[in-house]
Amino acid sequence: MGTLPGHRLSVLGPHRPNPLVVTLIAFPQRREVPVDSSPDVLVALGHAVRTLRLERGFSQERLAEESGLHPRYISDVERGRRNVGMVNVDRLARALSVDLPTLMAGVEAEL
């Protein structure tokens, strides 16, 4: 059976009503932003987060623990590959012990 372009198939778990029936659902695949087309502000945010993280002696894993985010997400942010929502920007700022204006000043300095 084929799938739609850009989708993957997932098999529903043990809650399906008939054990002989497998239900397939198509989910869109996550598309990462290519490095060459990353908006400058995302790259600047990533550099600012990385600079603050290193100043505090945090590993990406430690920042992930402190912020409640996944280490892969932190890595993607630092490389400018995630369009970070304001809630997560606030989580990162708090984990890095800075306020939002200070973090954004670091972003401005990178632009």
Protein backbone atom coordinates (compact mmCIF):
# COMPACT_ATOMS: atom_id res chain seq x y z
CA MET A 1 0.00 0.00 0.00
CA GLY A 2 1.41 3.43 -0.90
CA THR A 3 1.35 6.57 1.20
CA LEU A 4 0.76 10.18 0.38
CA PRO A 5 3.95 12.14 -0.32
CA GLY A 6 5.35 13.56 2.92
CA HIS A 7 3.39 11.16 5.14
CA ARG A 8 4.29 8.11 7.17
CA LEU A 9 2.08 5.29 8.34
CA SER A 10 1.46 4.34 11.94
CA VAL A 11 -0.20 1.18 13.28
CA LEU A 12 -2.64 1.73 16.10
CA GLY A 13 -1.81 -0.13 19.30
CA PRO A 14 -3.59 -2.82 21.35
CA HIS A 15 -6.76 -0.77 21.73
CA ARG A 16 -7.95 -1.73 18.24
CA PRO A 17 -11.21 -3.70 18.47
CA ASN A 18 -10.31 -6.71 16.31
CA PRO A 19 -6.82 -8.21 16.73
CA LEU A 20 -6.92 -9.36 13.11
CA VAL A 21 -7.56 -5.85 11.79
CA VAL A 22 -4.73 -3.36 11.52
CA THR A 23 -5.77 0.26 11.14
CA LEU A 24 -3.30 2.55 9.38
CA ILE A 25 -3.32 6.30 9.80
CA ALA A 26 -1.24 8.73 7.71
CA PHE A 27 0.66 11.40 9.67
CA PRO A 28 2.51 14.28 8.01
CA GLN A 29 6.27 13.97 8.44
CA ARG A 30 8.08 16.76 10.28
CA ARG A 31 9.97 18.90 7.83
CA GLU A 32 13.12 20.51 9.15
CA VAL A 33 14.12 23.91 7.83
CA PRO A 34 17.12 23.51 5.51
CA VAL A 35 20.19 25.25 6.93
CA ASP A 36 20.61 27.43 3.83
CA SER A 37 17.12 28.92 4.16
CA SER A 38 17.01 29.36 7.95
CA PRO A 39 15.80 32.84 8.82
CA ASP A 40 18.52 34.97 10.33
CA VAL A 41 16.55 35.50 13.54
CA LEU A 42 16.42 31.75 14.26
CA VAL A 43 20.17 31.43 13.77
CA ALA A 44 20.71 34.52 15.96
CA LEU A 45 18.49 33.05 18.70
CA GLY A 46 20.44 29.81 18.51
CA HIS A 47 23.76 31.60 18.87
CA ALA A 48 22.45 33.65 21.80
CA VAL A 49 21.16 30.53 23.59
CA ARG A 50 24.43 28.68 22.96
CA THR A 51 26.51 31.63 24.21
CA LEU A 52 24.49 31.90 27.42
CA ARG A 53 24.52 28.13 27.91
CA LEU A 54 28.31 27.96 27.60
CA GLU A 55 28.78 30.99 29.89
CA ARG A 56 26.89 29.07 32.57
CA GLY A 57 28.83 25.87 31.96
CA PHE A 58 25.70 23.96 30.94
CA SER A 59 25.69 21.04 28.55
CA GLN A 60 22.78 20.78 26.13
CA GLU A 61 21.46 17.96 28.29
CA ARG A 62 21.59 20.13 31.42
CA LEU A 63 19.79 22.99 29.65
CA ALA A 64 17.18 20.50 28.46
CA GLU A 65 16.62 19.31 32.05
CA GLU A 66 16.44 22.84 33.42
CA SER A 67 14.01 24.02 30.72
CA GLY A 68 11.86 20.89 30.46
CA LEU A 69 12.69 20.54 26.76
CA HIS A 70 14.23 17.61 24.88
CA PRO A 71 18.02 17.65 24.25
CA ARG A 72 17.39 17.22 20.50
CA TYR A 73 15.16 20.31 20.59
CA ILE A 74 17.94 22.31 22.29
CA SER A 75 20.38 21.16 19.60
CA ASP A 76 17.96 22.15 16.84
CA VAL A 77 17.37 25.58 18.44
CA GLU A 78 21.11 26.25 18.70
CA ARG A 79 21.54 25.39 15.01
CA GLY A 80 18.66 27.65 13.97
CA ARG A 81 16.59 24.72 12.75
CA ARG A 82 13.52 25.26 14.95
CA ASN A 83 10.91 27.99 14.79
CA VAL A 84 10.76 28.43 18.56
CA GLY A 85 7.46 29.47 20.16
CA MET A 86 7.36 32.16 22.82
CA VAL A 87 6.56 29.68 25.60
CA ASN A 88 9.77 27.78 24.82
CA VAL A 89 11.77 31.02 24.47
CA ASP A 90 10.57 31.88 27.98
CA ARG A 91 11.50 28.39 29.25
CA LEU A 92 14.99 28.77 27.79
CA ALA A 93 15.43 32.25 29.28
CA ARG A 94 14.35 31.08 32.73
CA ALA A 95 16.61 28.02 32.57
CA LEU A 96 19.50 30.31 31.62
CA SER A 97 18.60 32.71 34.50
CA VAL A 98 17.96 35.69 32.24
CA ASP A 99 14.82 37.67 31.48
CA LEU A 100 13.32 37.82 28.00
CA PRO A 101 14.69 41.32 27.18
CA THR A 102 18.21 40.13 28.02
CA LEU A 103 17.86 37.06 25.80
CA MET A 104 16.41 39.19 22.98
CA ALA A 105 19.26 41.69 23.36
CA GLY A 106 21.60 38.76 22.69
CA VAL A 107 19.58 37.92 19.60
CA GLU A 108 19.76 41.55 18.39
CA ALA A 109 23.53 41.54 18.92
CA GLU A 110 23.80 38.48 16.66
CA LEU A 111 21.80 40.05 13.79
